[in-house]
Amino acid sequence: MRTVIQRVSKASVTVEGKVVSSIGYGLLILLGIVGEDTEEDIDWLVRKVINLRIFNDALGVMNTSVMESDGDIIVVSQFTLHASTKKGNRPSYIRAAKPEIAIPLYEKFISRLEQEFGKKVGTGIFGADMKVDLLNDGPVTIIMDTKDKE
């Protein structure tokens, strides 16, 4: 699983002109899934996301998590995170998991995130043409990949 995590002042997802999710302060998570991803990847990533200390404490230092900051989360599926641009100018998405694999893992990720986070997580609509609007706070943007646990 590969993620782009953005600390936001606000974010929303619109599908066919209708806002399907919106949050104020919190995290916007773009999530890409490959066929080799497992529930172990979900567990590792959920723990990292909810404990990631990228919110400012009382002294203005990035030292608190989304949970400690009482933020919210939106998760948006994005297969293009696994684009290969090695050859030519047209990206290849062959590594991205097919929907029959990706959808159950995406849903498990959201369920596990909600369970650990203790509240509802906003989402986009898997496979839809989504318009994502965000105000990046900082800017703070973190990239994580469960296959490259740095």
C-alpha atoms as a PDB file:
ATOM      1  CA  MET A   1       0.000   0.000   0.000  1.00  0.00           C
ATOM      2  CA  ARG A   2       1.221   3.433  -0.868  1.00  0.00           C
ATOM      3  CA  THR A   3      -0.153   6.608   0.645  1.00  0.00           C
ATOM      4  CA  VAL A   4       0.163  10.317   0.279  1.00  0.00           C
ATOM      5  CA  ILE A   5      -0.866  11.859   3.584  1.00  0.00           C
ATOM      6  CA  GLN A   6      -1.619  15.559   3.715  1.00  0.00           C
ATOM      7  CA  ARG A   7      -2.302  17.612   6.815  1.00  0.00           C
ATOM      8  CA  VAL A   8      -5.227  19.815   5.857  1.00  0.00           C
ATOM      9  CA  SER A   9      -7.183  22.748   7.226  1.00  0.00           C
ATOM     10  CA  LYS A  10     -10.120  21.403   5.228  1.00  0.00           C
ATOM     11  CA  ALA A  11     -10.790  18.836   2.516  1.00  0.00           C
ATOM     12  CA  SER A  12     -13.720  17.498   0.535  1.00  0.00           C
ATOM     13  CA  VAL A  13     -14.519  14.919  -2.125  1.00  0.00           C
ATOM     14  CA  THR A  14     -17.131  15.606  -4.804  1.00  0.00           C
ATOM     15  CA  VAL A  15     -18.616  13.037  -7.200  1.00  0.00           C
ATOM     16  CA  GLU A  16     -20.953  14.092 -10.010  1.00  0.00           C
ATOM     17  CA  GLY A  17     -21.391  17.535  -8.450  1.00  0.00           C
ATOM     18  CA  LYS A  18     -22.313  16.195  -4.992  1.00  0.00           C
ATOM     19  CA  VAL A  19     -20.040  16.458  -1.945  1.00  0.00           C
ATOM     20  CA  VAL A  20     -19.696  12.910  -0.599  1.00  0.00           C
ATOM     21  CA  SER A  21     -17.238  13.701   2.233  1.00  0.00           C
ATOM     22  CA  SER A  22     -15.831  16.770   3.879  1.00  0.00           C
ATOM     23  CA  ILE A  23     -13.705  17.528   6.917  1.00  0.00           C
ATOM     24  CA  GLY A  24     -12.149  20.473   8.625  1.00  0.00           C
ATOM     25  CA  TYR A  25      -8.767  20.080  10.294  1.00  0.00           C
ATOM     26  CA  GLY A  26      -7.198  16.651   9.837  1.00  0.00           C
ATOM     27  CA  LEU A  27      -5.709  14.291   7.272  1.00  0.00           C
ATOM     28  CA  LEU A  28      -6.446  13.634   3.623  1.00  0.00           C
ATOM     29  CA  ILE A  29      -5.100  10.198   2.737  1.00  0.00           C
ATOM     30  CA  LEU A  30      -4.691   9.099  -0.868  1.00  0.00           C
ATOM     31  CA  LEU A  31      -4.405   5.284  -0.866  1.00  0.00           C
ATOM     32  CA  GLY A  32      -3.010   3.083  -3.636  1.00  0.00           C
ATOM     33  CA  ILE A  33      -3.221  -0.714  -3.428  1.00  0.00           C
ATOM     34  CA  VAL A  34      -1.249  -3.432  -5.224  1.00  0.00           C
ATOM     35  CA  GLY A  35      -2.132  -7.110  -5.599  1.00  0.00           C
ATOM     36  CA  GLU A  36       0.481  -8.226  -3.045  1.00  0.00           C
ATOM     37  CA  ASP A  37      -0.973  -6.099  -0.241  1.00  0.00           C
ATOM     38  CA  THR A  38      -2.253  -7.946   2.820  1.00  0.00           C
ATOM     39  CA  GLU A  39      -3.950  -7.320   6.155  1.00  0.00           C
ATOM     40  CA  GLU A  40      -0.457  -6.970   7.655  1.00  0.00           C
ATOM     41  CA  ASP A  41       0.035  -3.944   5.404  1.00  0.00           C
ATOM     42  CA  ILE A  42      -3.288  -2.546   6.619  1.00  0.00           C
ATOM     43  CA  ASP A  43      -2.342  -3.030  10.289  1.00  0.00           C
ATOM     44  CA  TRP A  44       1.068  -1.382   9.884  1.00  0.00           C
ATOM     45  CA  LEU A  45      -0.290   1.544   7.891  1.00  0.00           C
ATOM     46  CA  VAL A  46      -3.244   2.223  10.201  1.00  0.00           C
ATOM     47  CA  ARG A  47      -0.941   2.315  13.246  1.00  0.00           C
ATOM     48  CA  LYS A  48       1.450   4.675  11.452  1.00  0.00           C
ATOM     49  CA  VAL A  49      -1.289   7.014  10.215  1.00  0.00           C
ATOM     50  CA  ILE A  50      -3.115   7.516  13.503  1.00  0.00           C
ATOM     51  CA  ASN A  51       0.107   7.934  15.475  1.00  0.00           C
ATOM     52  CA  LEU A  52       1.960  10.112  12.963  1.00  0.00           C
ATOM     53  CA  ARG A  53       3.036  13.189  14.916  1.00  0.00           C
ATOM     54  CA  ILE A  54       2.571  15.921  12.315  1.00  0.00           C
ATOM     55  CA  PHE A  55       0.196  18.270  14.141  1.00  0.00           C
ATOM     56  CA  ASN A  56       1.420  21.211  16.160  1.00  0.00           C
ATOM     57  CA  ASP A  57       1.457  21.070  19.933  1.00  0.00           C
ATOM     58  CA  ALA A  58       0.926  24.106  22.211  1.00  0.00           C
ATOM     59  CA  LEU A  59       4.448  25.304  21.395  1.00  0.00           C
ATOM     60  CA  GLY A  60       3.900  25.121  17.631  1.00  0.00           C
ATOM     61  CA  VAL A  61       6.083  22.042  17.219  1.00  0.00           C
ATOM     62  CA  MET A  62       4.876  19.088  15.115  1.00  0.00           C
ATOM     63  CA  ASN A  63       4.532  16.724  18.030  1.00  0.00           C
ATOM     64  CA  THR A  64       0.925  15.457  18.164  1.00  0.00           C
ATOM     65  CA  SER A  65      -1.110  12.944  16.185  1.00  0.00           C
ATOM     66  CA  VAL A  66      -4.442  13.368  14.426  1.00  0.00           C
ATOM     67  CA  MET A  67      -6.083  11.653  17.398  1.00  0.00           C
ATOM     68  CA  GLU A  68      -4.466  13.966  19.956  1.00  0.00           C
ATOM     69  CA  SER A  69      -5.375  16.982  17.810  1.00  0.00           C
ATOM     70  CA  ASP A  70      -9.026  15.913  17.518  1.00  0.00           C
ATOM     71  CA  GLY A  71      -8.742  16.010  13.724  1.00  0.00           C
ATOM     72  CA  ASP A  72     -10.706  14.100  11.125  1.00  0.00           C
ATOM     73  CA  ILE A  73      -9.689  11.869   8.226  1.00  0.00           C
ATOM     74  CA  ILE A  74     -10.746  11.361   4.614  1.00  0.00           C
ATOM     75  CA  VAL A  75      -9.435   8.352   2.644  1.00  0.00           C
ATOM     76  CA  VAL A  76      -9.515   8.443  -1.161  1.00  0.00           C
ATOM     77  CA  SER A  77      -8.583   5.455  -3.329  1.00  0.00           C
ATOM     78  CA  GLN A  78      -6.024   6.374  -5.993  1.00  0.00           C
ATOM     79  CA  PHE A  79      -4.607   3.662  -8.226  1.00  0.00           C
ATOM     80  CA  THR A  80      -2.351   6.197  -9.975  1.00  0.00           C
ATOM     81  CA  LEU A  81      -0.048   6.178  -6.925  1.00  0.00           C
ATOM     82  CA  HIS A  82       1.377   2.967  -8.382  1.00  0.00           C
ATOM     83  CA  ALA A  83       2.083   4.436 -11.812  1.00  0.00           C
ATOM     84  CA  SER A  84       5.279   3.307 -13.466  1.00  0.00           C
ATOM     85  CA  THR A  85       6.929   6.017 -15.538  1.00  0.00           C
ATOM     86  CA  LYS A  86      10.071   4.036 -16.297  1.00  0.00           C
ATOM     87  CA  LYS A  87       9.439   3.713 -20.030  1.00  0.00           C
ATOM     88  CA  GLY A  88       7.993   6.316 -22.330  1.00  0.00           C
ATOM     89  CA  ASN A  89       5.679   9.145 -21.367  1.00  0.00           C
ATOM     90  CA  ARG A  90       2.467   7.251 -20.759  1.00  0.00           C
ATOM     91  CA  PRO A  91       2.312   5.869 -17.201  1.00  0.00           C
ATOM     92  CA  SER A  92       1.628   2.173 -16.738  1.00  0.00           C
ATOM     93  CA  TYR A  93      -0.759   1.138 -13.973  1.00  0.00           C
ATOM     94  CA  ILE A  94      -0.125  -2.592 -14.240  1.00  0.00           C
ATOM     95  CA  ARG A  95       1.001  -2.813 -10.569  1.00  0.00           C
ATOM     96  CA  ALA A  96      -2.251  -1.350  -9.245  1.00  0.00           C
ATOM     97  CA  ALA A  97      -4.565  -4.030  -7.880  1.00  0.00           C
ATOM     98  CA  LYS A  98      -7.655  -4.958  -9.853  1.00  0.00           C
ATOM     99  CA  PRO A  99     -10.961  -3.911  -8.236  1.00  0.00           C
ATOM    100  CA  GLU A 100     -11.777  -7.444  -7.019  1.00  0.00           C
ATOM    101  CA  ILE A 101      -8.614  -7.304  -4.884  1.00  0.00           C
ATOM    102  CA  ALA A 102      -8.427  -3.578  -4.178  1.00  0.00           C
ATOM    103  CA  ILE A 103     -12.013  -2.950  -3.025  1.00  0.00           C
ATOM    104  CA  PRO A 104     -11.987  -5.459  -0.127  1.00  0.00           C
ATOM    105  CA  LEU A 105      -8.565  -4.189   1.024  1.00  0.00           C
ATOM    106  CA  TYR A 106      -9.698  -0.564   0.738  1.00  0.00           C
ATOM    107  CA  GLU A 107     -12.815  -1.331   2.784  1.00  0.00           C
ATOM    108  CA  LYS A 108     -10.784  -3.236   5.399  1.00  0.00           C
ATOM    109  CA  PHE A 109      -8.346  -0.329   5.638  1.00  0.00           C
ATOM    110  CA  ILE A 110     -11.199   2.100   6.277  1.00  0.00           C
ATOM    111  CA  SER A 111     -12.865  -0.235   8.789  1.00  0.00           C
ATOM    112  CA  ARG A 112      -9.627  -0.825  10.698  1.00  0.00           C
ATOM    113  CA  LEU A 113      -8.814   2.899  10.619  1.00  0.00           C
ATOM    114  CA  GLU A 114     -12.245   3.748  12.051  1.00  0.00           C
ATOM    115  CA  GLN A 115     -11.834   1.075  14.727  1.00  0.00           C
ATOM    116  CA  GLU A 116      -8.430   2.361  15.851  1.00  0.00           C
ATOM    117  CA  PHE A 117      -9.288   6.032  15.346  1.00  0.00           C
ATOM    118  CA  GLY A 118     -12.530   5.742  17.299  1.00  0.00           C
ATOM    119  CA  LYS A 119     -14.667   7.709  14.885  1.00  0.00           C
ATOM    120  CA  LYS A 120     -16.061   7.728  11.365  1.00  0.00           C
ATOM    121  CA  VAL A 121     -13.648   8.284   8.490  1.00  0.00           C
ATOM    122  CA  GLY A 122     -14.760  10.108   5.352  1.00  0.00           C
ATOM    123  CA  THR A 123     -14.219   8.456   1.985  1.00  0.00           C
ATOM    124  CA  GLY A 124     -14.493   9.007  -1.694  1.00  0.00           C
ATOM    125  CA  ILE A 125     -16.262   6.503  -3.934  1.00  0.00           C
ATOM    126  CA  PHE A 126     -14.004   3.719  -5.157  1.00  0.00           C
ATOM    127  CA  GLY A 127     -13.476   3.899  -8.920  1.00  0.00           C
ATOM    128  CA  ALA A 128     -15.472   7.112  -9.362  1.00  0.00           C
ATOM    129  CA  ASP A 129     -14.253  10.266 -11.070  1.00  0.00           C
ATOM    130  CA  MET A 130     -13.666  12.313  -7.928  1.00  0.00           C
ATOM    131  CA  LYS A 131     -12.849  15.959  -7.438  1.00  0.00           C
ATOM    132  CA  VAL A 132     -10.715  16.389  -4.336  1.00  0.00           C
ATOM    133  CA  ASP A 133     -10.495  19.850  -2.844  1.00  0.00           C
ATOM    134  CA  LEU A 134      -8.048  20.558  -0.045  1.00  0.00           C
ATOM    135  CA  LEU A 135      -6.249  23.288   1.772  1.00  0.00           C
ATOM    136  CA  ASN A 136      -2.880  21.783   2.685  1.00  0.00           C
ATOM    137  CA  ASP A 137      -1.818  23.032   6.119  1.00  0.00           C
ATOM    138  CA  GLY A 138       1.898  23.756   6.384  1.00  0.00           C
ATOM    139  CA  PRO A 139       2.234  22.375   3.763  1.00  0.00           C
ATOM    140  CA  VAL A 140       2.747  18.994   5.354  1.00  0.00           C
ATOM    141  CA  THR A 141       2.783  16.023   2.964  1.00  0.00           C
ATOM    142  CA  ILE A 142       4.116  12.570   3.896  1.00  0.00           C
ATOM    143  CA  ILE A 143       4.523   9.593   1.558  1.00  0.00           C
ATOM    144  CA  MET A 144       4.480   6.073   3.007  1.00  0.00           C
ATOM    145  CA  ASP A 145       4.750   2.690   1.368  1.00  0.00           C
ATOM    146  CA  THR A 146       4.253  -0.573   3.239  1.00  0.00           C
ATOM    147  CA  LYS A 147       6.821  -2.222   0.954  1.00  0.00           C
ATOM    148  CA  ASP A 148       9.451   0.347   1.972  1.00  0.00           C
ATOM    149  CA  LYS A 149       9.044   0.860   5.711  1.00  0.00           C
ATOM    150  CA  GLU A 150      11.475   3.676   6.407  1.00  0.00           C
END
